[in-house]
PDB file of N, CA and C in Angstrom:
ATOM      1  N   UNK A   1       0.823  -1.200   0.000  1.00  0.00           N
ATOM      2  CA  UNK A   1       0.000   0.000   0.000  1.00  0.00           C
ATOM      3  C   UNK A   1       0.859   1.253   0.000  1.00  0.00           C
ATOM      4  N   UNK A   2       2.015   1.198   0.643  1.00  0.00           N
ATOM      5  CA  UNK A   2       2.877   2.369   0.710  1.00  0.00           C
ATOM      6  C   UNK A   2       3.342   2.791  -0.688  1.00  0.00           C
ATOM      7  N   UNK A   3       3.597   1.813  -1.595  1.00  0.00           N
ATOM      8  CA  UNK A   3       4.018   2.136  -2.950  1.00  0.00           C
ATOM      9  C   UNK A   3       2.944   2.933  -3.677  1.00  0.00           C
ATOM     10  N   UNK A   4       1.687   2.549  -3.523  1.00  0.00           N
ATOM     11  CA  UNK A   4       0.592   3.240  -4.206  1.00  0.00           C
ATOM     12  C   UNK A   4       0.394   4.640  -3.646  1.00  0.00           C
ATOM     13  N   UNK A   5       0.619   4.821  -2.362  1.00  0.00           N
ATOM     14  CA  UNK A   5       0.548   6.161  -1.776  1.00  0.00           C
ATOM     15  C   UNK A   5       1.674   7.024  -2.316  1.00  0.00           C
ATOM     16  N   UNK A   6       2.862   6.430  -2.520  1.00  0.00           N
ATOM     17  CA  UNK A   6       3.976   7.170  -3.098  1.00  0.00           C
ATOM     18  C   UNK A   6       3.658   7.593  -4.525  1.00  0.00           C
ATOM     19  N   UNK A   7       2.981   6.738  -5.282  1.00  0.00           N
ATOM     20  CA  UNK A   7       2.586   7.085  -6.648  1.00  0.00           C
ATOM     21  C   UNK A   7       1.619   8.264  -6.658  1.00  0.00           C
ATOM     22  N   UNK A   8       0.745   8.323  -5.689  1.00  0.00           N
ATOM     23  CA  UNK A   8      -0.211   9.431  -5.602  1.00  0.00           C
ATOM     24  C   UNK A   8       0.538  10.760  -5.461  1.00  0.00           C
ATOM     25  N   UNK A   9       1.666  10.745  -4.761  1.00  0.00           N
ATOM     26  CA  UNK A   9       2.464  11.958  -4.580  1.00  0.00           C
ATOM     27  C   UNK A   9       3.152  12.402  -5.873  1.00  0.00           C
ATOM     28  N   UNK A  10       3.298  11.509  -6.838  1.00  0.00           N
ATOM     29  CA  UNK A  10       3.933  11.840  -8.114  1.00  0.00           C
ATOM     30  C   UNK A  10       2.986  12.575  -9.065  1.00  0.00           C
ATOM     31  N   UNK A  11       1.686  12.534  -8.769  1.00  0.00           N
ATOM     32  CA  UNK A  11       0.695  13.189  -9.616  1.00  0.00           C
ATOM     33  C   UNK A  11       0.473  14.603  -9.091  1.00  0.00           C
ATOM     34  N   UNK A  12       0.663  15.608  -9.942  1.00  0.00           N
ATOM     35  CA  UNK A  12       0.367  16.975  -9.488  1.00  0.00           C
ATOM     36  C   UNK A  12      -1.105  17.083  -9.077  1.00  0.00           C
ATOM     37  N   UNK A  13      -1.423  17.959  -8.167  1.00  0.00           N
ATOM     38  CA  UNK A  13      -2.803  18.120  -7.710  1.00  0.00           C
ATOM     39  C   UNK A  13      -3.689  18.740  -8.776  1.00  0.00           C
ATOM     40  N   UNK A  14      -3.089  19.596  -9.610  1.00  0.00           N
ATOM     41  CA  UNK A  14      -3.886  20.271 -10.620  1.00  0.00           C
ATOM     42  C   UNK A  14      -3.033  20.605 -11.835  1.00  0.00           C
ATOM     43  N   UNK A  15      -3.715  20.972 -12.915  1.00  0.00           N
ATOM     44  CA  UNK A  15      -3.067  21.454 -14.126  1.00  0.00           C
ATOM     45  C   UNK A  15      -3.770  22.735 -14.548  1.00  0.00           C
ATOM     46  N   UNK A  16      -3.126  23.491 -15.401  1.00  0.00           N
ATOM     47  CA  UNK A  16      -3.701  24.739 -15.904  1.00  0.00           C
ATOM     48  C   UNK A  16      -4.120  24.543 -17.348  1.00  0.00           C
ATOM     49  N   UNK A  17      -5.341  24.960 -17.673  1.00  0.00           N
ATOM     50  CA  UNK A  17      -5.874  24.872 -19.024  1.00  0.00           C
ATOM     51  C   UNK A  17      -5.889  26.267 -19.623  1.00  0.00           C
ATOM     52  N   UNK A  18      -5.384  26.386 -20.856  1.00  0.00           N
ATOM     53  CA  UNK A  18      -5.407  27.670 -21.543  1.00  0.00           C
ATOM     54  C   UNK A  18      -6.824  27.956 -22.040  1.00  0.00           C
ATOM     55  N   UNK A  19      -7.302  29.168 -21.789  1.00  0.00           N
ATOM     56  CA  UNK A  19      -8.640  29.587 -22.210  1.00  0.00           C
ATOM     57  C   UNK A  19      -8.549  30.647 -23.310  1.00  0.00           C
ATOM     58  N   UNK A  20      -7.809  30.327 -24.354  1.00  0.00           N
ATOM     59  CA  UNK A  20      -7.591  31.261 -25.467  1.00  0.00           C
ATOM     60  C   UNK A  20      -7.084  32.592 -24.936  1.00  0.00           C
ATOM     61  N   UNK A  21      -7.816  33.672 -25.161  1.00  0.00           N
ATOM     62  CA  UNK A  21      -7.363  34.992 -24.707  1.00  0.00           C
ATOM     63  C   UNK A  21      -7.855  35.337 -23.319  1.00  0.00           C
ATOM     64  N   UNK A  22      -8.543  34.422 -22.678  1.00  0.00           N
ATOM     65  CA  UNK A  22      -9.115  34.722 -21.360  1.00  0.00           C
ATOM     66  C   UNK A  22      -8.253  34.206 -20.210  1.00  0.00           C
ATOM     67  N   UNK A  23      -7.040  33.832 -20.488  1.00  0.00           N
ATOM     68  CA  UNK A  23      -6.152  33.409 -19.416  1.00  0.00           C
ATOM     69  C   UNK A  23      -6.103  31.902 -19.242  1.00  0.00           C
ATOM     70  N   UNK A  24      -5.944  31.480 -18.001  1.00  0.00           N
ATOM     71  CA  UNK A  24      -5.801  30.061 -17.661  1.00  0.00           C
ATOM     72  C   UNK A  24      -6.797  29.707 -16.562  1.00  0.00           C
ATOM     73  N   UNK A  25      -7.190  28.434 -16.540  1.00  0.00           N
ATOM     74  CA  UNK A  25      -8.075  27.947 -15.486  1.00  0.00           C
ATOM     75  C   UNK A  25      -7.453  26.704 -14.868  1.00  0.00           C
ATOM     76  N   UNK A  26      -7.568  26.588 -13.563  1.00  0.00           N
ATOM     77  CA  UNK A  26      -7.005  25.452 -12.830  1.00  0.00           C
ATOM     78  C   UNK A  26      -8.006  24.301 -12.859  1.00  0.00           C
ATOM     79  N   UNK A  27      -7.531  23.078 -13.162  1.00  0.00           N
ATOM     80  CA  UNK A  27      -8.367  21.879 -13.153  1.00  0.00           C
ATOM     81  C   UNK A  27      -7.701  20.834 -12.263  1.00  0.00           C
ATOM     82  N   UNK A  28      -8.500  20.167 -11.457  1.00  0.00           N
ATOM     83  CA  UNK A  28      -7.979  19.141 -10.561  1.00  0.00           C
ATOM     84  C   UNK A  28      -7.644  17.879 -11.346  1.00  0.00           C
ATOM     85  N   UNK A  29      -6.516  17.267 -11.031  1.00  0.00           N
ATOM     86  CA  UNK A  29      -6.158  15.980 -11.617  1.00  0.00           C
ATOM     87  C   UNK A  29      -6.645  14.820 -10.749  1.00  0.00           C
ATOM     88  N   UNK A  30      -7.324  15.157  -9.657  1.00  0.00           N
ATOM     89  CA  UNK A  30      -7.888  14.145  -8.760  1.00  0.00           C
ATOM     90  C   UNK A  30      -9.294  13.794  -9.224  1.00  0.00           C
ATOM     91  N   UNK A  31      -9.392  13.300 -10.463  1.00  0.00           N
ATOM     92  CA  UNK A  31     -10.671  12.901 -11.020  1.00  0.00           C
ATOM     93  C   UNK A  31     -10.428  11.858 -12.106  1.00  0.00           C
ATOM     94  N   UNK A  32     -11.485  11.163 -12.487  1.00  0.00           N
ATOM     95  CA  UNK A  32     -11.399  10.176 -13.558  1.00  0.00           C
ATOM     96  C   UNK A  32     -11.571  10.903 -14.890  1.00  0.00           C
ATOM     97  N   UNK A  33     -10.738  10.564 -15.862  1.00  0.00           N
ATOM     98  CA  UNK A  33     -10.791  11.210 -17.164  1.00  0.00           C
ATOM     99  C   UNK A  33     -11.398  10.308 -18.242  1.00  0.00           C
ATOM    100  N   UNK A  34     -12.005   9.204 -17.833  1.00  0.00           N
ATOM    101  CA  UNK A  34     -12.642   8.316 -18.803  1.00  0.00           C
ATOM    102  C   UNK A  34     -14.011   8.846 -19.205  1.00  0.00           C
ATOM    103  N   UNK A  35     -14.362   8.633 -20.461  1.00  0.00           N
ATOM    104  CA  UNK A  35     -15.636   9.114 -21.002  1.00  0.00           C
ATOM    105  C   UNK A  35     -16.804   8.508 -20.217  1.00  0.00           C
ATOM    106  N   UNK A  36     -17.723   9.364 -19.828  1.00  0.00           N
ATOM    107  CA  UNK A  36     -18.922   8.915 -19.130  1.00  0.00           C
ATOM    108  C   UNK A  36     -18.778   8.783 -17.628  1.00  0.00           C
ATOM    109  N   UNK A  37     -17.596   9.016 -17.089  1.00  0.00           N
ATOM    110  CA  UNK A  37     -17.402   8.915 -15.639  1.00  0.00           C
ATOM    111  C   UNK A  37     -17.275  10.319 -15.061  1.00  0.00           C
ATOM    112  N   UNK A  38     -18.001  10.544 -13.972  1.00  0.00           N
ATOM    113  CA  UNK A  38     -17.969  11.863 -13.334  1.00  0.00           C
ATOM    114  C   UNK A  38     -17.299  11.837 -11.966  1.00  0.00           C
ATOM    115  N   UNK A  39     -16.482  10.810 -11.710  1.00  0.00           N
ATOM    116  CA  UNK A  39     -15.828  10.664 -10.415  1.00  0.00           C
ATOM    117  C   UNK A  39     -14.826  11.785 -10.165  1.00  0.00           C
ATOM    118  N   UNK A  40     -15.024  12.511  -9.077  1.00  0.00           N
ATOM    119  CA  UNK A  40     -14.071  13.531  -8.639  1.00  0.00           C
ATOM    120  C   UNK A  40     -13.636  13.276  -7.196  1.00  0.00           C
ATOM    121  N   UNK A  41     -13.777  12.031  -6.759  1.00  0.00           N
ATOM    122  CA  UNK A  41     -13.412  11.637  -5.397  1.00  0.00           C
ATOM    123  C   UNK A  41     -12.043  10.969  -5.416  1.00  0.00           C
ATOM    124  N   UNK A  42     -11.064  11.631  -4.850  1.00  0.00           N
ATOM    125  CA  UNK A  42      -9.695  11.125  -4.805  1.00  0.00           C
ATOM    126  C   UNK A  42      -9.627   9.734  -4.171  1.00  0.00           C
ATOM    127  N   UNK A  43     -10.501   9.461  -3.201  1.00  0.00           N
ATOM    128  CA  UNK A  43     -10.487   8.171  -2.513  1.00  0.00           C
ATOM    129  C   UNK A  43     -10.926   7.022  -3.405  1.00  0.00           C
ATOM    130  N   UNK A  44     -11.576   7.321  -4.542  1.00  0.00           N
ATOM    131  CA  UNK A  44     -12.013   6.283  -5.478  1.00  0.00           C
ATOM    132  C   UNK A  44     -11.033   6.101  -6.634  1.00  0.00           C
ATOM    133  N   UNK A  45      -9.874   6.748  -6.552  1.00  0.00           N
ATOM    134  CA  UNK A  45      -8.832   6.607  -7.566  1.00  0.00           C
ATOM    135  C   UNK A  45      -7.641   5.874  -6.964  1.00  0.00           C
ATOM    136  N   UNK A  46      -7.207   4.829  -7.624  1.00  0.00           N
ATOM    137  CA  UNK A  46      -6.105   4.014  -7.113  1.00  0.00           C
ATOM    138  C   UNK A  46      -4.963   3.976  -8.127  1.00  0.00           C
ATOM    139  N   UNK A  47      -3.839   4.642  -7.831  1.00  0.00           N
ATOM    140  CA  UNK A  47      -2.681   4.543  -8.734  1.00  0.00           C
ATOM    141  C   UNK A  47      -2.127   3.119  -8.693  1.00  0.00           C
ATOM    142  N   UNK A  48      -1.911   2.529  -9.863  1.00  0.00           N
ATOM    143  CA  UNK A  48      -1.480   1.135  -9.934  1.00  0.00           C
ATOM    144  C   UNK A  48       0.018   0.968 -10.157  1.00  0.00           C
ATOM    145  N   UNK A  49       0.547   1.678 -11.143  1.00  0.00           N
ATOM    146  CA  UNK A  49       1.977   1.542 -11.448  1.00  0.00           C
ATOM    147  C   UNK A  49       2.451   2.764 -12.205  1.00  0.00           C
ATOM    148  N   UNK A  50       3.780   2.883 -12.309  1.00  0.00           N
ATOM    149  CA  UNK A  50       4.388   4.018 -12.991  1.00  0.00           C
ATOM    150  C   UNK A  50       5.434   3.522 -13.978  1.00  0.00           C
ATOM    151  N   UNK A  51       5.444   4.154 -15.141  1.00  0.00           N
ATOM    152  CA  UNK A  51       6.506   3.946 -16.112  1.00  0.00           C
ATOM    153  C   UNK A  51       7.225   5.287 -16.241  1.00  0.00           C
ATOM    154  N   UNK A  52       8.535   5.252 -16.349  1.00  0.00           N
ATOM    155  CA  UNK A  52       9.279   6.503 -16.456  1.00  0.00           C
ATOM    156  C   UNK A  52      10.453   6.309 -17.406  1.00  0.00           C
ATOM    157  N   UNK A  53      10.628   7.270 -18.316  1.00  0.00           N
ATOM    158  CA  UNK A  53      11.755   7.209 -19.233  1.00  0.00           C
ATOM    159  C   UNK A  53      12.108   8.610 -19.705  1.00  0.00           C
ATOM    160  N   UNK A  54      13.333   8.737 -20.189  1.00  0.00           N
ATOM    161  CA  UNK A  54      13.839  10.015 -20.691  1.00  0.00           C
ATOM    162  C   UNK A  54      13.939   9.962 -22.206  1.00  0.00           C
ATOM    163  N   UNK A  55      13.597  11.071 -22.821  1.00  0.00           N
ATOM    164  CA  UNK A  55      13.838  11.287 -24.234  1.00  0.00           C
ATOM    165  C   UNK A  55      14.665  12.556 -24.330  1.00  0.00           C
ATOM    166  N   UNK A  56      15.081  12.922 -25.523  1.00  0.00           N
ATOM    167  CA  UNK A  56      15.901  14.108 -25.668  1.00  0.00           C
ATOM    168  C   UNK A  56      15.169  15.335 -25.145  1.00  0.00           C
ATOM    169  N   UNK A  57      15.725  15.978 -24.147  1.00  0.00           N
ATOM    170  CA  UNK A  57      15.203  17.202 -23.534  1.00  0.00           C
ATOM    171  C   UNK A  57      13.851  17.053 -22.840  1.00  0.00           C
ATOM    172  N   UNK A  58      13.414  15.840 -22.538  1.00  0.00           N
ATOM    173  CA  UNK A  58      12.189  15.692 -21.756  1.00  0.00           C
ATOM    174  C   UNK A  58      12.177  14.368 -20.995  1.00  0.00           C
ATOM    175  N   UNK A  59      11.441  14.391 -19.896  1.00  0.00           N
ATOM    176  CA  UNK A  59      11.223  13.206 -19.083  1.00  0.00           C
ATOM    177  C   UNK A  59       9.736  12.871 -19.155  1.00  0.00           C
ATOM    178  N   UNK A  60       9.417  11.602 -19.303  1.00  0.00           N
ATOM    179  CA  UNK A  60       8.022  11.184 -19.406  1.00  0.00           C
ATOM    180  C   UNK A  60       7.708  10.204 -18.280  1.00  0.00           C
ATOM    181  N   UNK A  61       6.626  10.485 -17.554  1.00  0.00           N
ATOM    182  CA  UNK A  61       6.099   9.571 -16.540  1.00  0.00           C
ATOM    183  C   UNK A  61       4.692   9.198 -16.971  1.00  0.00           C
ATOM    184  N   UNK A  62       4.382   7.920 -16.930  1.00  0.00           N
ATOM    185  CA  UNK A  62       3.024   7.466 -17.198  1.00  0.00           C
ATOM    186  C   UNK A  62       2.556   6.737 -15.954  1.00  0.00           C
ATOM    187  N   UNK A  63       1.492   7.253 -15.364  1.00  0.00           N
ATOM    188  CA  UNK A  63       0.953   6.655 -14.147  1.00  0.00           C
ATOM    189  C   UNK A  63      -0.408   6.052 -14.471  1.00  0.00           C
ATOM    190  N   UNK A  64      -0.528   4.750 -14.247  1.00  0.00           N
ATOM    191  CA  UNK A  64      -1.766   4.024 -14.499  1.00  0.00           C
ATOM    192  C   UNK A  64      -2.655   4.161 -13.266  1.00  0.00           C
ATOM    193  N   UNK A  65      -3.919   4.538 -13.489  1.00  0.00           N
ATOM    194  CA  UNK A  65      -4.850   4.798 -12.395  1.00  0.00           C
ATOM    195  C   UNK A  65      -6.140   4.019 -12.624  1.00  0.00           C
ATOM    196  N   UNK A  66      -6.623   3.377 -11.575  1.00  0.00           N
ATOM    197  CA  UNK A  66      -7.906   2.666 -11.644  1.00  0.00           C
ATOM    198  C   UNK A  66      -8.964   3.509 -10.933  1.00  0.00           C
ATOM    199  N   UNK A  67     -10.092   3.691 -11.607  1.00  0.00           N
ATOM    200  CA  UNK A  67     -11.228   4.389 -11.005  1.00  0.00           C
ATOM    201  C   UNK A  67     -12.155   3.333 -10.417  1.00  0.00           C
ATOM    202  N   UNK A  68     -12.410   3.430  -9.139  1.00  0.00           N
ATOM    203  CA  UNK A  68     -13.265   2.443  -8.472  1.00  0.00           C
ATOM    204  C   UNK A  68     -14.748   2.720  -8.708  1.00  0.00           C
ATOM    205  N   UNK A  69     -15.077   3.882  -9.271  1.00  0.00           N
ATOM    206  CA  UNK A  69     -16.482   4.190  -9.560  1.00  0.00           C
ATOM    207  C   UNK A  69     -16.921   3.537 -10.874  1.00  0.00           C
ATOM    208  N   UNK A  70     -16.138   3.746 -11.951  1.00  0.00           N
ATOM    209  CA  UNK A  70     -16.511   3.177 -13.252  1.00  0.00           C
ATOM    210  C   UNK A  70     -15.768   1.869 -13.535  1.00  0.00           C
ATOM    211  N   UNK A  71     -14.838   1.489 -12.661  1.00  0.00           N
ATOM    212  CA  UNK A  71     -14.025   0.274 -12.789  1.00  0.00           C
ATOM    213  C   UNK A  71     -13.092   0.311 -14.003  1.00  0.00           C
ATOM    214  N   UNK A  72     -12.881   1.494 -14.562  1.00  0.00           N
ATOM    215  CA  UNK A  72     -11.981   1.633 -15.705  1.00  0.00           C
ATOM    216  C   UNK A  72     -10.577   1.996 -15.276  1.00  0.00           C
ATOM    217  N   UNK A  73      -9.653   1.836 -16.204  1.00  0.00           N
ATOM    218  CA  UNK A  73      -8.259   2.198 -15.973  1.00  0.00           C
ATOM    219  C   UNK A  73      -7.869   3.223 -17.028  1.00  0.00           C
ATOM    220  N   UNK A  74      -7.233   4.290 -16.584  1.00  0.00           N
ATOM    221  CA  UNK A  74      -6.709   5.294 -17.498  1.00  0.00           C
ATOM    222  C   UNK A  74      -5.278   5.597 -17.096  1.00  0.00           C
ATOM    223  N   UNK A  75      -4.596   6.360 -17.929  1.00  0.00           N
ATOM    224  CA  UNK A  75      -3.207   6.713 -17.672  1.00  0.00           C
ATOM    225  C   UNK A  75      -3.062   8.231 -17.710  1.00  0.00           C
ATOM    226  N   UNK A  76      -2.280   8.739 -16.806  1.00  0.00           N
ATOM    227  CA  UNK A  76      -1.888  10.141 -16.856  1.00  0.00           C
ATOM    228  C   UNK A  76      -0.453  10.179 -17.378  1.00  0.00           C
ATOM    229  N   UNK A  77      -0.265  10.856 -18.490  1.00  0.00           N
ATOM    230  CA  UNK A  77       1.070  11.004 -19.075  1.00  0.00           C
ATOM    231  C   UNK A  77       1.580  12.391 -18.719  1.00  0.00           C
ATOM    232  N   UNK A  78       2.654  12.425 -17.961  1.00  0.00           N
ATOM    233  CA  UNK A  78       3.255  13.674 -17.497  1.00  0.00           C
ATOM    234  C   UNK A  78       4.576  13.880 -18.233  1.00  0.00           C
ATOM    235  N   UNK A  79       4.607  14.857 -19.124  1.00  0.00           N
ATOM    236  CA  UNK A  79       5.826  15.169 -19.872  1.00  0.00           C
ATOM    237  C   UNK A  79       6.444  16.427 -19.278  1.00  0.00           C
ATOM    238  N   UNK A  80       7.698  16.343 -18.898  1.00  0.00           N
ATOM    239  CA  UNK A  80       8.425  17.515 -18.417  1.00  0.00           C
ATOM    240  C   UNK A  80       9.449  17.899 -19.469  1.00  0.00           C
ATOM    241  N   UNK A  81       9.194  19.029 -20.118  1.00  0.00           N
ATOM    242  CA  UNK A  81      10.136  19.562 -21.103  1.00  0.00           C
ATOM    243  C   UNK A  81      11.229  20.277 -20.324  1.00  0.00           C
ATOM    244  N   UNK A  82      12.458  19.818 -20.464  1.00  0.00           N
ATOM    245  CA  UNK A  82      13.537  20.269 -19.590  1.00  0.00           C
ATOM    246  C   UNK A  82      14.073  21.657 -19.907  1.00  0.00           C
ATOM    247  N   UNK A  83      14.116  22.047 -21.154  1.00  0.00           N
ATOM    248  CA  UNK A  83      14.765  23.309 -21.517  1.00  0.00           C
ATOM    249  C   UNK A  83      13.818  24.150 -22.359  1.00  0.00           C
ATOM    250  N   UNK A  84      12.821  24.725 -21.730  1.00  0.00           N
ATOM    251  CA  UNK A  84      11.851  25.551 -22.441  1.00  0.00           C
ATOM    252  C   UNK A  84      12.406  26.952 -22.672  1.00  0.00           C
ATOM    253  N   UNK A  85      13.089  27.481 -21.686  1.00  0.00           N
ATOM    254  CA  UNK A  85      13.643  28.834 -21.793  1.00  0.00           C
ATOM    255  C   UNK A  85      14.845  28.968 -20.875  1.00  0.00           C
ATOM    256  N   UNK A  86      15.622  29.979 -21.150  1.00  0.00           N
ATOM    257  CA  UNK A  86      16.769  30.295 -20.293  1.00  0.00           C
ATOM    258  C   UNK A  86      16.452  31.574 -19.530  1.00  0.00           C
ATOM    259  N   UNK A  87      16.573  31.524 -18.219  1.00  0.00           N
ATOM    260  CA  UNK A  87      16.320  32.735 -17.436  1.00  0.00           C
ATOM    261  C   UNK A  87      17.438  33.755 -17.627  1.00  0.00           C
ATOM    262  N   UNK A  88      17.055  35.010 -17.499  1.00  0.00           N
ATOM    263  CA  UNK A  88      18.030  36.094 -17.653  1.00  0.00           C
ATOM    264  C   UNK A  88      18.014  36.985 -16.421  1.00  0.00           C
ATOM    265  N   UNK A  89      19.164  37.556 -16.138  1.00  0.00           N
ATOM    266  CA  UNK A  89      19.250  38.556 -15.075  1.00  0.00           C
ATOM    267  C   UNK A  89      18.715  39.878 -15.613  1.00  0.00           C
ATOM    268  N   UNK A  90      18.487  40.825 -14.740  1.00  0.00           N
ATOM    269  CA  UNK A  90      17.971  42.134 -15.162  1.00  0.00           C
ATOM    270  C   UNK A  90      18.846  42.804 -16.205  1.00  0.00           C
ATOM    271  N   UNK A  91      20.115  42.588 -16.162  1.00  0.00           N
ATOM    272  CA  UNK A  91      21.035  43.214 -17.107  1.00  0.00           C
ATOM    273  C   UNK A  91      21.064  42.530 -18.463  1.00  0.00           C
ATOM    274  N   UNK A  92      20.307  41.475 -18.656  1.00  0.00           N
ATOM    275  CA  UNK A  92      20.264  40.783 -19.933  1.00  0.00           C
ATOM    276  C   UNK A  92      21.223  39.611 -20.037  1.00  0.00           C
ATOM    277  N   UNK A  93      21.968  39.336 -18.959  1.00  0.00           N
ATOM    278  CA  UNK A  93      22.906  38.216 -18.968  1.00  0.00           C
ATOM    279  C   UNK A  93      22.139  36.908 -18.779  1.00  0.00           C
ATOM    280  N   UNK A  94      22.407  35.917 -19.651  1.00  0.00           N
ATOM    281  CA  UNK A  94      21.758  34.602 -19.557  1.00  0.00           C
ATOM    282  C   UNK A  94      22.427  33.809 -18.440  1.00  0.00           C
ATOM    283  N   UNK A  95      21.605  33.202 -17.592  1.00  0.00           N
ATOM    284  CA  UNK A  95      22.128  32.397 -16.488  1.00  0.00           C
ATOM    285  C   UNK A  95      22.602  31.037 -17.005  1.00  0.00           C
ATOM    286  N   UNK A  96      23.187  30.224 -16.141  1.00  0.00           N
ATOM    287  CA  UNK A  96      23.767  28.941 -16.539  1.00  0.00           C
ATOM    288  C   UNK A  96      22.691  27.935 -16.961  1.00  0.00           C
ATOM    289  N   UNK A  97      23.123  26.870 -17.651  1.00  0.00           N
ATOM    290  CA  UNK A  97      22.217  25.805 -18.104  1.00  0.00           C
ATOM    291  C   UNK A  97      21.505  25.125 -16.937  1.00  0.00           C
ATOM    292  N   UNK A  98      22.123  25.150 -15.758  1.00  0.00           N
ATOM    293  CA  UNK A  98      21.513  24.525 -14.586  1.00  0.00           C
ATOM    294  C   UNK A  98      20.215  25.218 -14.192  1.00  0.00           C
ATOM    295  N   UNK A  99      20.055  26.472 -14.598  1.00  0.00           N
ATOM    296  CA  UNK A  99      18.871  27.252 -14.229  1.00  0.00           C
ATOM    297  C   UNK A  99      17.792  27.245 -15.319  1.00  0.00           C
ATOM    298  N   UNK A 100      17.933  26.388 -16.341  1.00  0.00           N
ATOM    299  CA  UNK A 100      16.942  26.349 -17.421  1.00  0.00           C
ATOM    300  C   UNK A 100      15.542  26.159 -16.857  1.00  0.00           C
ATOM    301  N   UNK A 101      14.573  26.760 -17.508  1.00  0.00           N
ATOM    302  CA  UNK A 101      13.178  26.688 -17.071  1.00  0.00           C
ATOM    303  C   UNK A 101      12.515  25.476 -17.715  1.00  0.00           C
ATOM    304  N   UNK A 102      11.830  24.676 -16.915  1.00  0.00           N
ATOM    305  CA  UNK A 102      11.137  23.483 -17.391  1.00  0.00           C
ATOM    306  C   UNK A 102       9.627  23.738 -17.398  1.00  0.00           C
ATOM    307  N   UNK A 103       8.906  22.920 -18.177  1.00  0.00           N
ATOM    308  CA  UNK A 103       7.452  23.033 -18.247  1.00  0.00           C
ATOM    309  C   UNK A 103       6.871  21.635 -18.332  1.00  0.00           C
ATOM    310  N   UNK A 104       5.743  21.423 -17.663  1.00  0.00           N
ATOM    311  CA  UNK A 104       5.107  20.121 -17.681  1.00  0.00           C
ATOM    312  C   UNK A 104       3.802  20.133 -18.448  1.00  0.00           C
ATOM    313  N   UNK A 105       3.544  19.062 -19.190  1.00  0.00           N
ATOM    314  CA  UNK A 105       2.290  18.880 -19.910  1.00  0.00           C
ATOM    315  C   UNK A 105       1.633  17.606 -19.396  1.00  0.00           C
ATOM    316  N   UNK A 106       0.304  17.619 -19.304  1.00  0.00           N
ATOM    317  CA  UNK A 106      -0.438  16.453 -18.828  1.00  0.00           C
ATOM    318  C   UNK A 106      -1.399  16.002 -19.921  1.00  0.00           C
ATOM    319  N   UNK A 107      -1.374  14.703 -20.209  1.00  0.00           N
ATOM    320  CA  UNK A 107      -2.281  14.096 -21.167  1.00  0.00           C
ATOM    321  C   UNK A 107      -3.021  12.951 -20.498  1.00  0.00           C
ATOM    322  N   UNK A 108      -4.255  12.692 -20.929  1.00  0.00           N
ATOM    323  CA  UNK A 108      -5.004  11.527 -20.473  1.00  0.00           C
ATOM    324  C   UNK A 108      -4.945  10.483 -21.581  1.00  0.00           C
ATOM    325  N   UNK A 109      -4.671   9.249 -21.195  1.00  0.00           N
ATOM    326  CA  UNK A 109      -4.640   8.126 -22.132  1.00  0.00           C
ATOM    327  C   UNK A 109      -5.609   7.063 -21.634  1.00  0.00           C
ATOM    328  N   UNK A 110      -6.163   6.279 -22.550  1.00  0.00           N
ATOM    329  CA  UNK A 110      -7.005   5.178 -22.102  1.00  0.00           C
ATOM    330  C   UNK A 110      -6.116   4.015 -21.668  1.00  0.00           C
ATOM    331  N   UNK A 111      -6.734   2.918 -21.314  1.00  0.00           N
ATOM    332  CA  UNK A 111      -5.981   1.774 -20.785  1.00  0.00           C
ATOM    333  C   UNK A 111      -4.966   1.228 -21.787  1.00  0.00           C
ATOM    334  N   UNK A 112      -5.263   1.347 -23.075  1.00  0.00           N
ATOM    335  CA  UNK A 112      -4.384   0.824 -24.118  1.00  0.00           C
ATOM    336  C   UNK A 112      -3.329   1.832 -24.568  1.00  0.00           C
ATOM    337  N   UNK A 113      -3.356   3.027 -23.991  1.00  0.00           N
ATOM    338  CA  UNK A 113      -2.368   4.040 -24.337  1.00  0.00           C
ATOM    339  C   UNK A 113      -2.805   4.990 -25.437  1.00  0.00           C
ATOM    340  N   UNK A 114      -4.084   4.901 -25.856  1.00  0.00           N
ATOM    341  CA  UNK A 114      -4.608   5.828 -26.858  1.00  0.00           C
ATOM    342  C   UNK A 114      -4.856   7.185 -26.209  1.00  0.00           C
ATOM    343  N   UNK A 115      -4.466   8.243 -26.903  1.00  0.00           N
ATOM    344  CA  UNK A 115      -4.584   9.598 -26.362  1.00  0.00           C
ATOM    345  C   UNK A 115      -6.063  10.016 -26.280  1.00  0.00           C
ATOM    346  N   UNK A 116      -6.519  10.327 -25.074  1.00  0.00           N
ATOM    347  CA  UNK A 116      -7.873  10.844 -24.870  1.00  0.00           C
ATOM    348  C   UNK A 116      -7.864  12.352 -25.065  1.00  0.00           C
ATOM    349  N   UNK A 117      -6.781  12.995 -24.674  1.00  0.00           N
ATOM    350  CA  UNK A 117      -6.677  14.433 -24.874  1.00  0.00           C
ATOM    351  C   UNK A 117      -5.651  15.088 -23.964  1.00  0.00           C
ATOM    352  N   UNK A 118      -5.286  16.301 -24.368  1.00  0.00           N
ATOM    353  CA  UNK A 118      -4.374  17.126 -23.582  1.00  0.00           C
ATOM    354  C   UNK A 118      -5.186  17.764 -22.448  1.00  0.00           C
ATOM    355  N   UNK A 119      -4.749  17.606 -21.226  1.00  0.00           N
ATOM    356  CA  UNK A 119      -5.465  18.159 -20.075  1.00  0.00           C
ATOM    357  C   UNK A 119      -4.989  19.581 -19.796  1.00  0.00           C
ATOM    358  N   UNK A 120      -3.689  19.776 -19.731  1.00  0.00           N
ATOM    359  CA  UNK A 120      -3.185  21.107 -19.420  1.00  0.00           C
ATOM    360  C   UNK A 120      -1.703  21.094 -19.113  1.00  0.00           C
ATOM    361  N   UNK A 121      -1.285  22.116 -18.372  1.00  0.00           N
ATOM    362  CA  UNK A 121       0.125  22.331 -18.039  1.00  0.00           C
ATOM    363  C   UNK A 121       0.285  22.336 -16.519  1.00  0.00           C
ATOM    364  N   UNK A 122       1.433  21.836 -16.056  1.00  0.00           N
ATOM    365  CA  UNK A 122       1.720  21.903 -14.617  1.00  0.00           C
ATOM    366  C   UNK A 122       3.083  22.486 -14.385  1.00  0.00           C
TER     367      UNK A 122
END
C-alpha cells in the first residue's frame, strides 16, 4: 500500500488549461478522465503503477490509475520539457544551463495508451 501512496504523490494536484485569450483555469487531476465517468473523489482513484523514461530534452512519466467508480483504468502522461527557456538577469545576462526553465504537460490516455486528450500544463 505504501508504494501506491507514493505514486499518488507523483501526480500533481492540478493542471492549468489555456482559455484562449481569457487566461488560464485550474483543473484538478484528482478525477477520472474516462468518457462517461464523473468521479471527482480522490479516494475512489487508485494509482497502480508508474513507467518513467527520458527522451531528448524531456522526461516522461506514465501513471496508471484505476477508477473504483466506473471500474476503468486510465493513464496520466506527465511530460516535463527540460529546456523551455533560459532565465536572464535584469542586465540581460543569460544564467547557466543549470537554471533552465522546465514546463510540464499532462495528457489523459485510455488503458491501451490511446490519447484521450491534452489536459493542461503543470
